[in-house]
Amino acid sequence: MTLEQHIEELRTEARNAPTLEERRQIETELNAAIEQLAAEIANLSPR
């Protein structure tokens, strides 16, 4: 699974989370994955 796919999966899970607590946990993981993707993209960009 690519990081992009993982992010989309987390977004879906967050939308469908049964409790606010679970949604917040998923959103924390989602934000970390988004930051990781941004860092990977930054490392690929020519300087």
C-alpha atoms as a PDB file:
ATOM      1  CA  MET A   1       0.000   0.000   0.000  1.00  0.00           C
ATOM      2  CA  THR A   2       1.344   3.415  -0.893  1.00  0.00           C
ATOM      3  CA  LEU A   3       1.404   6.268   1.580  1.00  0.00           C
ATOM      4  CA  GLU A   4      -1.228   8.051  -0.499  1.00  0.00           C
ATOM      5  CA  GLN A   5      -3.517   5.022  -0.264  1.00  0.00           C
ATOM      6  CA  HIS A   6      -2.934   4.814   3.473  1.00  0.00           C
ATOM      7  CA  ILE A   7      -3.924   8.478   3.842  1.00  0.00           C
ATOM      8  CA  GLU A   8      -7.140   7.924   1.895  1.00  0.00           C
ATOM      9  CA  GLU A   9      -7.933   4.865   4.019  1.00  0.00           C
ATOM     10  CA  LEU A  10      -7.399   6.876   7.205  1.00  0.00           C
ATOM     11  CA  ARG A  11      -9.657   9.654   5.902  1.00  0.00           C
ATOM     12  CA  THR A  12     -12.407   7.114   5.295  1.00  0.00           C
ATOM     13  CA  GLU A  13     -11.916   5.564   8.720  1.00  0.00           C
ATOM     14  CA  ALA A  14     -12.056   8.994  10.387  1.00  0.00           C
ATOM     15  CA  ARG A  15     -15.322   9.840   8.624  1.00  0.00           C
ATOM     16  CA  ASN A  16     -16.848   6.547   9.730  1.00  0.00           C
ATOM     17  CA  ALA A  17     -15.459   6.445  13.265  1.00  0.00           C
ATOM     18  CA  PRO A  18     -18.194   5.512  15.743  1.00  0.00           C
ATOM     19  CA  THR A  19     -16.885   7.721  18.545  1.00  0.00           C
ATOM     20  CA  LEU A  20     -15.222  11.111  18.788  1.00  0.00           C
ATOM     21  CA  GLU A  21     -12.317   9.555  20.687  1.00  0.00           C
ATOM     22  CA  GLU A  22     -11.675   7.041  17.907  1.00  0.00           C
ATOM     23  CA  ARG A  23     -11.957   9.769  15.291  1.00  0.00           C
ATOM     24  CA  ARG A  24      -9.353  11.867  17.107  1.00  0.00           C
ATOM     25  CA  GLN A  25      -6.980   8.901  17.307  1.00  0.00           C
ATOM     26  CA  ILE A  26      -7.343   8.253  13.582  1.00  0.00           C
ATOM     27  CA  GLU A  27      -6.903  11.950  12.785  1.00  0.00           C
ATOM     28  CA  THR A  28      -3.650  11.967  14.772  1.00  0.00           C
ATOM     29  CA  GLU A  29      -2.360   9.084  12.678  1.00  0.00           C
ATOM     30  CA  LEU A  30      -3.683  10.784   9.533  1.00  0.00           C
ATOM     31  CA  ASN A  31      -1.838  14.011  10.316  1.00  0.00           C
ATOM     32  CA  ALA A  32       1.395  12.089  10.889  1.00  0.00           C
ATOM     33  CA  ALA A  33       1.001  10.322   7.543  1.00  0.00           C
ATOM     34  CA  ILE A  34       0.340  13.627   5.764  1.00  0.00           C
ATOM     35  CA  GLU A  35       3.464  15.135   7.346  1.00  0.00           C
ATOM     36  CA  GLN A  36       5.482  12.108   6.271  1.00  0.00           C
ATOM     37  CA  LEU A  37       4.222  12.442   2.702  1.00  0.00           C
ATOM     38  CA  ALA A  38       5.061  16.156   2.673  1.00  0.00           C
ATOM     39  CA  ALA A  39       8.581  15.381   3.893  1.00  0.00           C
ATOM     40  CA  GLU A  40       9.046  12.737   1.203  1.00  0.00           C
ATOM     41  CA  ILE A  41       7.848  15.151  -1.476  1.00  0.00           C
ATOM     42  CA  ALA A  42      10.177  17.869  -0.168  1.00  0.00           C
ATOM     43  CA  ASN A  43      13.107  15.449  -0.411  1.00  0.00           C
ATOM     44  CA  LEU A  44      12.257  14.691  -4.047  1.00  0.00           C
ATOM     45  CA  SER A  45      11.971  18.317  -5.121  1.00  0.00           C
ATOM     46  CA  PRO A  46      15.014  19.740  -6.914  1.00  0.00           C
ATOM     47  CA  ARG A  47      16.713  22.574  -5.083  1.00  0.00           C
END
